[in-house]
Amino acid sequence: MSDSKDHAPSGQAAPEVHEGPIKTPKQLILTVVASFVIPIVVIILLVNFVDFGARTGAGSDGLEEEAVARRIQPVGDVTIRLATAAGALRSGEQVYQAQCAACHATGIVGSPKLADAAAWGPRIKTGYEALLNSALKGKGAMTPQGGGEFNETEIGRAVVYMANQGGAKFDEPKAPASAASAGAGAAASAPN
């Protein structure tokens, strides 16, 4: 008599016995090792396939002097003009509009507004030289104006323009002799 028929109830078929493909410990060990090794090999092959191509870096020119100089070159440069193209000095109003109006038009940080006689009165009493000195060297929140885009005569003209708008009667400073002769020479050589 067979074993399977002995355990089966009468009239019924014997239950099937299911066995896996791994029957020995050696097969189990090989299966476990293969389940780790095969996915790793597949991943390595996929990475090499995707990353296959020209590799730049070791042979690139990124660290050469020209490439470095291009990357660190200045974005822009600053040019300081001392007078207009014809050599003529700018008027007090032109300098005021370009430089001084940013603060003196609105009275920012306690600066006297243009044409505010009450604010300019005490300052006018100190005299033109004191006002010019404050403008050139700076005072309070106002930064020094000397040595910038405008020369000392142009800053003086702006001081006179603002002070006269506030009630002063200062005379506008004249151009220095060298600038006046250069301006006259340019005017004389200009075609009529």
N, C-alpha and C. Protein backbone atom coordinates (compact mmCIF):
# COMPACT_ATOMS: atom_id res chain seq x y z
N MET A 1 0.83 -1.17 0.00
CA MET A 1 0.00 0.00 0.00
C MET A 1 0.88 1.23 0.00
N SER A 2 0.39 2.23 -0.64
CA SER A 2 1.19 3.45 -0.70
C SER A 2 0.84 4.35 0.47
N ASP A 3 1.78 5.24 0.75
CA ASP A 3 1.60 6.14 1.90
C ASP A 3 0.46 7.10 1.68
N SER A 4 0.35 7.66 0.47
CA SER A 4 -0.68 8.66 0.24
C SER A 4 -2.06 8.07 0.31
N LYS A 5 -2.22 6.86 -0.09
CA LYS A 5 -3.55 6.25 -0.05
C LYS A 5 -3.89 5.83 1.35
N ASP A 6 -2.90 5.60 2.16
CA ASP A 6 -3.18 5.17 3.52
C ASP A 6 -3.75 6.31 4.35
N HIS A 7 -3.34 7.55 4.07
CA HIS A 7 -3.79 8.67 4.90
C HIS A 7 -5.05 9.32 4.38
N ALA A 8 -5.43 9.05 3.18
CA ALA A 8 -6.61 9.67 2.60
C ALA A 8 -7.86 9.00 3.11
N PRO A 9 -8.88 9.79 3.42
CA PRO A 9 -10.15 9.18 3.84
C PRO A 9 -10.74 8.37 2.69
N SER A 10 -11.58 7.47 3.02
CA SER A 10 -12.14 6.60 1.99
C SER A 10 -13.00 7.37 1.02
N GLY A 11 -12.80 7.12 -0.25
CA GLY A 11 -13.57 7.74 -1.31
C GLY A 11 -13.02 9.07 -1.77
N GLN A 12 -12.01 9.57 -1.15
CA GLN A 12 -11.46 10.84 -1.58
C GLN A 12 -10.04 10.64 -2.09
N ALA A 13 -9.63 11.61 -2.95
CA ALA A 13 -8.29 11.53 -3.52
C ALA A 13 -7.29 12.00 -2.47
N ALA A 14 -6.12 11.49 -2.57
CA ALA A 14 -5.08 11.87 -1.61
C ALA A 14 -4.65 13.32 -1.88
N PRO A 15 -4.36 14.10 -0.83
CA PRO A 15 -3.92 15.48 -1.04
C PRO A 15 -2.54 15.51 -1.72
N GLU A 16 -2.38 16.54 -2.56
CA GLU A 16 -1.11 16.66 -3.27
C GLU A 16 -0.05 17.19 -2.32
N VAL A 17 1.11 16.71 -2.48
CA VAL A 17 2.23 17.17 -1.67
C VAL A 17 2.98 18.21 -2.51
N HIS A 18 3.15 19.42 -1.95
CA HIS A 18 3.85 20.48 -2.66
C HIS A 18 5.27 20.58 -2.14
N GLU A 19 6.19 20.52 -3.04
CA GLU A 19 7.59 20.68 -2.68
C GLU A 19 8.16 21.82 -3.51
N GLY A 20 9.05 22.66 -2.90
CA GLY A 20 9.68 23.77 -3.61
C GLY A 20 10.86 23.28 -4.43
N PRO A 21 11.41 24.17 -5.25
CA PRO A 21 12.55 23.78 -6.07
C PRO A 21 13.84 23.61 -5.25
N ILE A 22 13.88 24.18 -4.03
CA ILE A 22 15.06 24.07 -3.19
C ILE A 22 14.87 22.86 -2.29
N LYS A 23 15.77 21.91 -2.48
CA LYS A 23 15.63 20.67 -1.72
C LYS A 23 16.79 20.45 -0.78
N THR A 24 17.90 21.17 -1.00
CA THR A 24 19.08 20.95 -0.14
C THR A 24 19.56 22.29 0.40
N PRO A 25 20.33 22.27 1.47
CA PRO A 25 20.87 23.51 2.02
C PRO A 25 21.82 24.22 1.04
N LYS A 26 22.52 23.47 0.21
CA LYS A 26 23.41 24.06 -0.78
C LYS A 26 22.61 24.90 -1.79
N GLN A 27 21.45 24.40 -2.21
CA GLN A 27 20.60 25.14 -3.14
C GLN A 27 20.05 26.40 -2.47
N LEU A 28 19.74 26.34 -1.20
CA LEU A 28 19.24 27.50 -0.46
C LEU A 28 20.30 28.61 -0.41
N ILE A 29 21.53 28.22 -0.11
CA ILE A 29 22.61 29.19 -0.04
C ILE A 29 22.83 29.85 -1.40
N LEU A 30 22.84 29.07 -2.46
CA LEU A 30 23.02 29.61 -3.82
C LEU A 30 21.88 30.56 -4.20
N THR A 31 20.69 30.25 -3.82
CA THR A 31 19.53 31.09 -4.13
C THR A 31 19.62 32.44 -3.39
N VAL A 32 19.99 32.42 -2.13
CA VAL A 32 20.11 33.66 -1.34
C VAL A 32 21.21 34.54 -1.92
N VAL A 33 22.35 33.95 -2.23
CA VAL A 33 23.46 34.73 -2.79
C VAL A 33 23.05 35.32 -4.15
N ALA A 34 22.40 34.55 -4.98
CA ALA A 34 21.98 35.02 -6.30
C ALA A 34 20.94 36.14 -6.18
N SER A 35 20.08 36.08 -5.16
CA SER A 35 19.06 37.13 -5.00
C SER A 35 19.67 38.48 -4.63
N PHE A 36 20.88 38.49 -4.08
CA PHE A 36 21.57 39.74 -3.80
C PHE A 36 22.49 40.17 -4.95
N VAL A 37 23.17 39.21 -5.54
CA VAL A 37 24.18 39.53 -6.55
C VAL A 37 23.54 39.96 -7.87
N ILE A 38 22.54 39.29 -8.32
CA ILE A 38 21.93 39.59 -9.63
C ILE A 38 21.34 41.01 -9.68
N PRO A 39 20.58 41.49 -8.68
CA PRO A 39 20.09 42.88 -8.75
C PRO A 39 21.23 43.91 -8.74
N ILE A 40 22.28 43.64 -7.98
CA ILE A 40 23.40 44.58 -7.94
C ILE A 40 24.07 44.66 -9.30
N VAL A 41 24.29 43.54 -9.94
CA VAL A 41 24.91 43.51 -11.27
C VAL A 41 24.02 44.24 -12.27
N VAL A 42 22.71 44.04 -12.20
CA VAL A 42 21.78 44.70 -13.11
C VAL A 42 21.82 46.22 -12.90
N ILE A 43 21.86 46.66 -11.66
CA ILE A 43 21.92 48.10 -11.37
C ILE A 43 23.21 48.70 -11.90
N ILE A 44 24.33 48.03 -11.70
CA ILE A 44 25.61 48.52 -12.21
C ILE A 44 25.59 48.62 -13.73
N LEU A 45 25.05 47.63 -14.40
CA LEU A 45 24.95 47.67 -15.85
C LEU A 45 24.06 48.82 -16.33
N LEU A 46 22.94 49.06 -15.65
CA LEU A 46 22.05 50.16 -16.02
C LEU A 46 22.72 51.52 -15.82
N VAL A 47 23.44 51.69 -14.73
CA VAL A 47 24.13 52.95 -14.47
C VAL A 47 25.18 53.20 -15.54
N ASN A 48 25.94 52.19 -15.89
CA ASN A 48 26.94 52.36 -16.95
C ASN A 48 26.30 52.65 -18.29
N PHE A 49 25.16 52.05 -18.56
CA PHE A 49 24.47 52.30 -19.83
C PHE A 49 23.97 53.74 -19.90
N VAL A 50 23.37 54.24 -18.82
CA VAL A 50 22.83 55.60 -18.79
C VAL A 50 23.96 56.63 -18.81
N ASP A 51 25.04 56.36 -18.11
CA ASP A 51 26.14 57.31 -17.98
C ASP A 51 27.18 57.14 -19.09
N PHE A 52 26.90 56.36 -20.06
CA PHE A 52 27.87 56.12 -21.13
C PHE A 52 27.94 57.33 -22.04
N GLY A 53 29.11 57.82 -22.30
CA GLY A 53 29.28 58.97 -23.17
C GLY A 53 30.56 59.70 -22.84
N ALA A 54 30.74 60.83 -23.48
CA ALA A 54 31.95 61.62 -23.27
C ALA A 54 31.94 62.20 -21.87
N ARG A 55 33.00 62.03 -21.18
CA ARG A 55 33.11 62.56 -19.82
C ARG A 55 34.03 63.76 -19.85
N THR A 56 33.46 64.92 -19.50
CA THR A 56 34.28 66.13 -19.46
C THR A 56 34.67 66.41 -18.03
N GLY A 57 35.67 67.17 -17.86
CA GLY A 57 36.11 67.52 -16.51
C GLY A 57 37.61 67.40 -16.42
N ALA A 58 38.11 66.22 -16.60
CA ALA A 58 39.55 66.04 -16.50
C ALA A 58 40.26 66.75 -17.65
N GLY A 59 39.65 66.79 -18.81
CA GLY A 59 40.29 67.43 -19.94
C GLY A 59 39.69 68.77 -20.30
N SER A 60 38.82 69.34 -19.46
CA SER A 60 38.19 70.62 -19.80
C SER A 60 39.14 71.77 -19.54
N ASP A 61 38.81 72.94 -20.08
CA ASP A 61 39.64 74.12 -19.92
C ASP A 61 39.12 75.03 -18.81
N GLY A 62 38.30 74.53 -17.91
CA GLY A 62 37.67 75.34 -16.87
C GLY A 62 38.63 75.98 -15.90
N LEU A 63 39.81 75.41 -15.71
CA LEU A 63 40.75 75.97 -14.75
C LEU A 63 41.91 76.72 -15.42
N GLU A 64 41.86 76.88 -16.72
CA GLU A 64 42.90 77.64 -17.40
C GLU A 64 42.74 79.12 -17.09
N GLU A 65 43.84 79.87 -17.26
CA GLU A 65 43.84 81.29 -16.88
C GLU A 65 42.79 82.09 -17.62
N GLU A 66 42.61 81.83 -18.92
CA GLU A 66 41.61 82.58 -19.69
C GLU A 66 40.20 82.33 -19.19
N ALA A 67 39.89 81.07 -18.90
CA ALA A 67 38.54 80.73 -18.42
C ALA A 67 38.28 81.35 -17.06
N VAL A 68 39.27 81.32 -16.19
CA VAL A 68 39.11 81.93 -14.86
C VAL A 68 38.96 83.44 -15.01
N ALA A 69 39.75 84.06 -15.86
CA ALA A 69 39.66 85.51 -16.07
C ALA A 69 38.29 85.90 -16.62
N ARG A 70 37.72 85.10 -17.52
CA ARG A 70 36.38 85.40 -18.05
C ARG A 70 35.33 85.34 -16.95
N ARG A 71 35.48 84.38 -16.03
CA ARG A 71 34.48 84.23 -14.96
C ARG A 71 34.56 85.33 -13.91
N ILE A 72 35.74 85.89 -13.68
CA ILE A 72 35.87 86.87 -12.61
C ILE A 72 36.05 88.29 -13.14
N GLN A 73 35.80 88.50 -14.42
CA GLN A 73 35.94 89.85 -14.96
C GLN A 73 34.87 90.76 -14.35
N PRO A 74 35.17 92.06 -14.22
CA PRO A 74 34.19 92.98 -13.63
C PRO A 74 32.94 93.11 -14.50
N VAL A 75 31.82 93.32 -13.83
CA VAL A 75 30.56 93.47 -14.54
C VAL A 75 30.48 94.82 -15.23
N GLY A 76 31.01 95.83 -14.62
CA GLY A 76 30.97 97.17 -15.20
C GLY A 76 32.13 97.99 -14.68
N ASP A 77 32.19 99.21 -15.10
CA ASP A 77 33.22 100.11 -14.60
C ASP A 77 32.61 101.49 -14.36
N VAL A 78 33.31 102.29 -13.59
CA VAL A 78 32.82 103.61 -13.21
C VAL A 78 33.68 104.66 -13.89
N THR A 79 33.03 105.61 -14.52
CA THR A 79 33.72 106.73 -15.15
C THR A 79 33.29 108.00 -14.45
N ILE A 80 34.24 108.78 -13.99
CA ILE A 80 33.93 110.03 -13.29
C ILE A 80 34.21 111.19 -14.24
N ARG A 81 33.18 112.01 -14.47
CA ARG A 81 33.32 113.19 -15.31
C ARG A 81 33.42 114.41 -14.42
N LEU A 82 34.32 115.31 -14.75
CA LEU A 82 34.46 116.52 -13.95
C LEU A 82 33.76 117.72 -14.56
N ALA A 83 33.55 117.73 -15.84
CA ALA A 83 32.87 118.84 -16.49
C ALA A 83 32.14 118.30 -17.71
N THR A 84 31.30 119.13 -18.31
CA THR A 84 30.56 118.71 -19.49
C THR A 84 31.51 118.58 -20.67
N ALA A 85 31.04 118.05 -21.77
CA ALA A 85 31.88 117.77 -22.93
C ALA A 85 32.56 119.02 -23.47
N ALA A 86 31.88 120.15 -23.47
CA ALA A 86 32.46 121.38 -24.01
C ALA A 86 33.37 122.06 -23.00
N GLY A 87 33.52 121.51 -21.79
CA GLY A 87 34.38 122.11 -20.79
C GLY A 87 33.64 123.11 -19.91
N ALA A 88 32.38 123.36 -20.16
CA ALA A 88 31.60 124.31 -19.37
C ALA A 88 31.15 123.65 -18.07
N LEU A 89 31.14 124.43 -17.03
CA LEU A 89 30.67 123.92 -15.74
C LEU A 89 29.14 123.90 -15.73
N ARG A 90 28.60 122.98 -14.99
CA ARG A 90 27.14 122.89 -14.89
C ARG A 90 26.61 123.93 -13.91
N SER A 91 25.37 124.31 -14.14
CA SER A 91 24.74 125.33 -13.30
C SER A 91 24.35 124.73 -11.95
N GLY A 92 24.05 125.61 -11.01
CA GLY A 92 23.62 125.16 -9.69
C GLY A 92 22.36 124.34 -9.75
N GLU A 93 21.43 124.73 -10.61
CA GLU A 93 20.18 123.98 -10.73
C GLU A 93 20.43 122.59 -11.30
N GLN A 94 21.34 122.47 -12.29
CA GLN A 94 21.66 121.16 -12.86
C GLN A 94 22.27 120.24 -11.81
N VAL A 95 23.18 120.77 -11.02
CA VAL A 95 23.82 119.96 -9.97
C VAL A 95 22.79 119.60 -8.91
N TYR A 96 21.93 120.56 -8.53
CA TYR A 96 20.88 120.28 -7.55
C TYR A 96 19.99 119.13 -8.03
N GLN A 97 19.53 119.20 -9.29
CA GLN A 97 18.66 118.15 -9.83
C GLN A 97 19.36 116.79 -9.86
N ALA A 98 20.65 116.79 -10.20
CA ALA A 98 21.38 115.53 -10.34
C ALA A 98 21.81 114.95 -8.99
N GLN A 99 22.17 115.77 -8.03
CA GLN A 99 22.79 115.28 -6.81
C GLN A 99 21.99 115.58 -5.55
N CYS A 100 21.52 116.80 -5.41
CA CYS A 100 20.99 117.27 -4.13
C CYS A 100 19.50 117.01 -3.94
N ALA A 101 18.76 116.95 -5.05
CA ALA A 101 17.29 116.85 -4.96
C ALA A 101 16.83 115.59 -4.27
N ALA A 102 17.64 114.54 -4.29
CA ALA A 102 17.23 113.29 -3.66
C ALA A 102 16.84 113.49 -2.20
N CYS A 103 17.54 114.36 -1.50
CA CYS A 103 17.22 114.61 -0.10
C CYS A 103 16.56 115.97 0.13
N HIS A 104 17.06 117.00 -0.54
CA HIS A 104 16.57 118.36 -0.27
C HIS A 104 15.21 118.65 -0.89
N ALA A 105 14.73 117.84 -1.81
CA ALA A 105 13.39 118.06 -2.37
C ALA A 105 12.32 117.62 -1.39
N THR A 106 12.62 116.62 -0.55
CA THR A 106 11.60 116.09 0.37
C THR A 106 11.92 116.34 1.83
N GLY A 107 13.16 116.75 2.13
CA GLY A 107 13.53 117.00 3.52
C GLY A 107 13.89 115.75 4.29
N ILE A 108 14.43 114.75 3.61
CA ILE A 108 14.81 113.48 4.26
C ILE A 108 15.87 113.72 5.31
N VAL A 109 15.77 113.06 6.44
CA VAL A 109 16.73 113.06 7.54
C VAL A 109 17.08 114.47 8.00
N GLY A 110 16.10 115.34 8.02
CA GLY A 110 16.30 116.69 8.54
C GLY A 110 16.99 117.66 7.59
N SER A 111 17.17 117.27 6.33
CA SER A 111 17.78 118.23 5.38
C SER A 111 16.76 119.32 5.07
N PRO A 112 17.24 120.57 4.93
CA PRO A 112 16.31 121.66 4.63
C PRO A 112 15.75 121.53 3.21
N LYS A 113 14.44 121.65 3.10
CA LYS A 113 13.80 121.56 1.79
C LYS A 113 14.14 122.80 0.96
N LEU A 114 14.15 122.61 -0.34
CA LEU A 114 14.39 123.71 -1.26
C LEU A 114 13.29 124.75 -1.08
N ALA A 115 13.65 126.01 -0.99
CA ALA A 115 12.74 127.16 -0.86
C ALA A 115 12.04 127.23 0.50
N ASP A 116 12.52 126.52 1.52
CA ASP A 116 11.95 126.60 2.86
C ASP A 116 12.78 127.63 3.65
N ALA A 117 12.30 128.87 3.65
CA ALA A 117 13.05 129.97 4.25
C ALA A 117 13.30 129.76 5.74
N ALA A 118 12.34 129.17 6.43
CA ALA A 118 12.50 128.94 7.87
C ALA A 118 13.64 127.95 8.14
N ALA A 119 13.75 126.92 7.32
CA ALA A 119 14.81 125.93 7.52
C ALA A 119 16.16 126.45 7.06
N TRP A 120 16.18 127.27 6.01
CA TRP A 120 17.44 127.77 5.46
C TRP A 120 17.97 128.99 6.22
N GLY A 121 17.10 129.75 6.89
CA GLY A 121 17.49 130.98 7.58
C GLY A 121 18.71 130.82 8.48
N PRO A 122 18.68 129.92 9.47
CA PRO A 122 19.84 129.78 10.35
C PRO A 122 21.10 129.34 9.61
N ARG A 123 20.93 128.56 8.57
CA ARG A 123 22.08 128.09 7.80
C ARG A 123 22.68 129.23 6.97
N ILE A 124 21.82 130.08 6.42
CA ILE A 124 22.28 131.20 5.60
C ILE A 124 23.09 132.18 6.46
N LYS A 125 22.70 132.33 7.73
CA LYS A 125 23.40 133.26 8.63
C LYS A 125 24.86 132.83 8.86
N THR A 126 25.14 131.52 8.71
CA THR A 126 26.53 131.06 8.90
C THR A 126 27.41 131.48 7.74
N GLY A 127 26.81 131.81 6.60
CA GLY A 127 27.57 132.30 5.45
C GLY A 127 27.81 131.21 4.39
N TYR A 128 28.18 131.72 3.22
CA TYR A 128 28.41 130.84 2.07
C TYR A 128 29.54 129.85 2.32
N GLU A 129 30.65 130.30 2.89
CA GLU A 129 31.82 129.43 3.10
C GLU A 129 31.47 128.25 4.02
N ALA A 130 30.69 128.51 5.07
CA ALA A 130 30.30 127.43 5.99
C ALA A 130 29.38 126.43 5.28
N LEU A 131 28.46 126.94 4.47
CA LEU A 131 27.56 126.05 3.72
C LEU A 131 28.35 125.21 2.71
N LEU A 132 29.28 125.84 2.00
CA LEU A 132 30.10 125.12 1.04
C LEU A 132 30.95 124.06 1.73
N ASN A 133 31.53 124.41 2.87
CA ASN A 133 32.34 123.47 3.64
C ASN A 133 31.50 122.26 4.07
N SER A 134 30.26 122.50 4.52
CA SER A 134 29.37 121.40 4.92
C SER A 134 29.05 120.51 3.72
N ALA A 135 28.84 121.11 2.56
CA ALA A 135 28.52 120.33 1.37
C ALA A 135 29.72 119.50 0.91
N LEU A 136 30.90 120.09 0.95
CA LEU A 136 32.09 119.38 0.46
C LEU A 136 32.55 118.29 1.43
N LYS A 137 32.47 118.55 2.73
CA LYS A 137 32.98 117.59 3.71
C LYS A 137 31.90 116.72 4.33
N GLY A 138 30.65 117.09 4.14
CA GLY A 138 29.54 116.33 4.71
C GLY A 138 29.15 116.86 6.07
N LYS A 139 27.88 116.67 6.41
CA LYS A 139 27.40 117.13 7.71
C LYS A 139 26.19 116.27 8.08
N GLY A 140 26.18 115.74 9.28
CA GLY A 140 25.06 114.90 9.72
C GLY A 140 24.95 113.67 8.82
N ALA A 141 23.77 113.47 8.26
CA ALA A 141 23.55 112.31 7.38
C ALA A 141 24.01 112.56 5.96
N MET A 142 24.38 113.81 5.63
CA MET A 142 24.82 114.13 4.26
C MET A 142 26.26 113.69 4.08
N THR A 143 26.49 112.91 3.04
CA THR A 143 27.84 112.45 2.75
C THR A 143 28.65 113.55 2.08
N PRO A 144 29.98 113.47 2.14
CA PRO A 144 30.81 114.47 1.46
C PRO A 144 30.55 114.47 -0.04
N GLN A 145 30.45 115.65 -0.64
CA GLN A 145 30.18 115.77 -2.07
C GLN A 145 31.44 116.02 -2.87
N GLY A 146 32.51 116.45 -2.24
CA GLY A 146 33.74 116.77 -2.95
C GLY A 146 34.38 115.53 -3.54
N GLY A 147 34.97 115.67 -4.74
CA GLY A 147 35.69 114.58 -5.38
C GLY A 147 34.81 113.62 -6.13
N GLY A 148 33.54 113.85 -6.22
CA GLY A 148 32.64 112.98 -6.96
C GLY A 148 32.51 113.40 -8.41
N GLU A 149 31.32 113.31 -8.93
CA GLU A 149 31.07 113.67 -10.32
C GLU A 149 31.21 115.17 -10.55
N PHE A 150 30.95 115.95 -9.51
CA PHE A 150 30.96 117.41 -9.64
C PHE A 150 32.20 117.99 -8.95
N ASN A 151 32.75 119.05 -9.55
CA ASN A 151 33.91 119.68 -8.92
C ASN A 151 33.45 120.69 -7.87
N GLU A 152 34.41 121.31 -7.20
CA GLU A 152 34.09 122.20 -6.08
C GLU A 152 33.27 123.41 -6.53
N THR A 153 33.56 123.94 -7.70
CA THR A 153 32.81 125.11 -8.20
C THR A 153 31.36 124.73 -8.47
N GLU A 154 31.14 123.57 -9.05
CA GLU A 154 29.77 123.12 -9.34
C GLU A 154 29.00 122.87 -8.05
N ILE A 155 29.64 122.27 -7.04
CA ILE A 155 28.99 122.08 -5.74
C ILE A 155 28.67 123.45 -5.14
N GLY A 156 29.59 124.40 -5.27
CA GLY A 156 29.35 125.77 -4.77
C GLY A 156 28.16 126.40 -5.45
N ARG A 157 28.02 126.19 -6.75
CA ARG A 157 26.86 126.72 -7.48
C ARG A 157 25.56 126.10 -6.97
N ALA A 158 25.59 124.81 -6.66
CA ALA A 158 24.38 124.15 -6.13
C ALA A 158 24.04 124.71 -4.75
N VAL A 159 25.06 124.96 -3.93
CA VAL A 159 24.83 125.53 -2.59
C VAL A 159 24.19 126.91 -2.74
N VAL A 160 24.72 127.74 -3.64
CA VAL A 160 24.16 129.08 -3.86
C VAL A 160 22.74 128.97 -4.37
N TYR A 161 22.47 128.05 -5.30
CA TYR A 161 21.13 127.87 -5.85
C TYR A 161 20.14 127.53 -4.73
N MET A 162 20.48 126.56 -3.87
CA MET A 162 19.56 126.16 -2.81
C MET A 162 19.40 127.26 -1.77
N ALA A 163 20.51 127.91 -1.38
CA ALA A 163 20.44 128.98 -0.37
C ALA A 163 19.63 130.16 -0.90
N ASN A 164 19.83 130.54 -2.15
CA ASN A 164 19.08 131.66 -2.72
C ASN A 164 17.60 131.32 -2.84
N GLN A 165 17.25 130.08 -3.08
CA GLN A 165 15.84 129.67 -3.10
C GLN A 165 15.23 129.80 -1.70
N GLY A 166 16.09 129.71 -0.65
CA GLY A 166 15.62 129.83 0.73
C GLY A 166 15.72 131.24 1.27
N GLY A 167 16.08 132.23 0.43
CA GLY A 167 16.08 133.62 0.88
C GLY A 167 17.44 134.30 0.90
N ALA A 168 18.51 133.62 0.57
CA ALA A 168 19.84 134.24 0.57
C ALA A 168 20.03 135.07 -0.70
N LYS A 169 21.07 135.86 -0.69
CA LYS A 169 21.41 136.69 -1.86
C LYS A 169 22.88 136.46 -2.22
N PHE A 170 23.31 135.19 -2.25
CA PHE A 170 24.70 134.87 -2.57
C PHE A 170 24.94 135.00 -4.07
N ASP A 171 26.17 135.40 -4.42
CA ASP A 171 26.57 135.43 -5.83
C ASP A 171 27.07 134.05 -6.22
N GLU A 172 26.74 133.64 -7.44
CA GLU A 172 27.18 132.33 -7.92
C GLU A 172 28.69 132.35 -8.13
N PRO A 173 29.39 131.32 -7.67
CA PRO A 173 30.85 131.30 -7.85
C PRO A 173 31.22 131.21 -9.32
N LYS A 174 32.28 131.91 -9.67
CA LYS A 174 32.74 131.93 -11.06
C LYS A 174 33.64 130.73 -11.30
N ALA A 175 33.79 130.38 -12.56
CA ALA A 175 34.66 129.27 -12.93
C ALA A 175 36.10 129.66 -12.65
N PRO A 176 36.95 128.71 -12.24
CA PRO A 176 38.36 129.02 -12.05
C PRO A 176 38.97 129.48 -13.37
N ALA A 177 40.08 130.20 -13.30
CA ALA A 177 40.70 130.79 -14.49
C ALA A 177 41.05 129.73 -15.53
N SER A 178 41.57 128.58 -15.14
CA SER A 178 41.96 127.54 -16.11
C SER A 178 40.73 126.96 -16.80
N ALA A 179 39.65 126.76 -16.08
CA ALA A 179 38.43 126.22 -16.69
C ALA A 179 37.77 127.27 -17.56
N ALA A 180 37.84 128.56 -17.14
CA ALA A 180 37.23 129.62 -17.94
C ALA A 180 37.96 129.78 -19.26
N SER A 181 39.29 129.71 -19.24
CA SER A 181 40.04 129.86 -20.48
C SER A 181 39.84 128.66 -21.39
N ALA A 182 39.70 127.45 -20.83
CA ALA A 182 39.43 126.26 -21.65
C ALA A 182 38.06 126.36 -22.28
N GLY A 183 37.08 126.87 -21.52
CA GLY A 183 35.73 127.03 -22.06
C GLY A 183 35.70 128.10 -23.13
N ALA A 184 36.46 129.20 -22.93
CA ALA A 184 36.50 130.27 -23.92
C ALA A 184 37.19 129.78 -25.18
N GLY A 185 38.26 128.98 -25.02
CA GLY A 185 38.97 128.44 -26.18
C GLY A 185 38.09 127.50 -26.98
N ALA A 186 37.29 126.71 -26.29
CA ALA A 186 36.39 125.79 -26.99
C ALA A 186 35.30 126.56 -27.69
N ALA A 187 34.82 127.66 -27.08
CA ALA A 187 33.78 128.46 -27.71
C ALA A 187 34.33 129.18 -28.92
N ALA A 188 35.60 129.66 -28.86
CA ALA A 188 36.19 130.38 -29.98
C ALA A 188 36.45 129.47 -31.16
N SER A 189 36.77 128.20 -30.90
CA SER A 189 37.07 127.27 -31.99
C SER A 189 35.81 126.65 -32.57
N ALA A 190 34.67 126.85 -31.94
CA ALA A 190 33.42 126.27 -32.46
C ALA A 190 32.98 127.02 -33.70
N PRO A 191 32.53 126.30 -34.75
CA PRO A 191 32.06 126.98 -35.97
C PRO A 191 30.75 127.71 -35.73
N ASN A 192 30.57 128.83 -36.40
CA ASN A 192 29.34 129.63 -36.25
C ASN A 192 28.30 129.21 -37.24
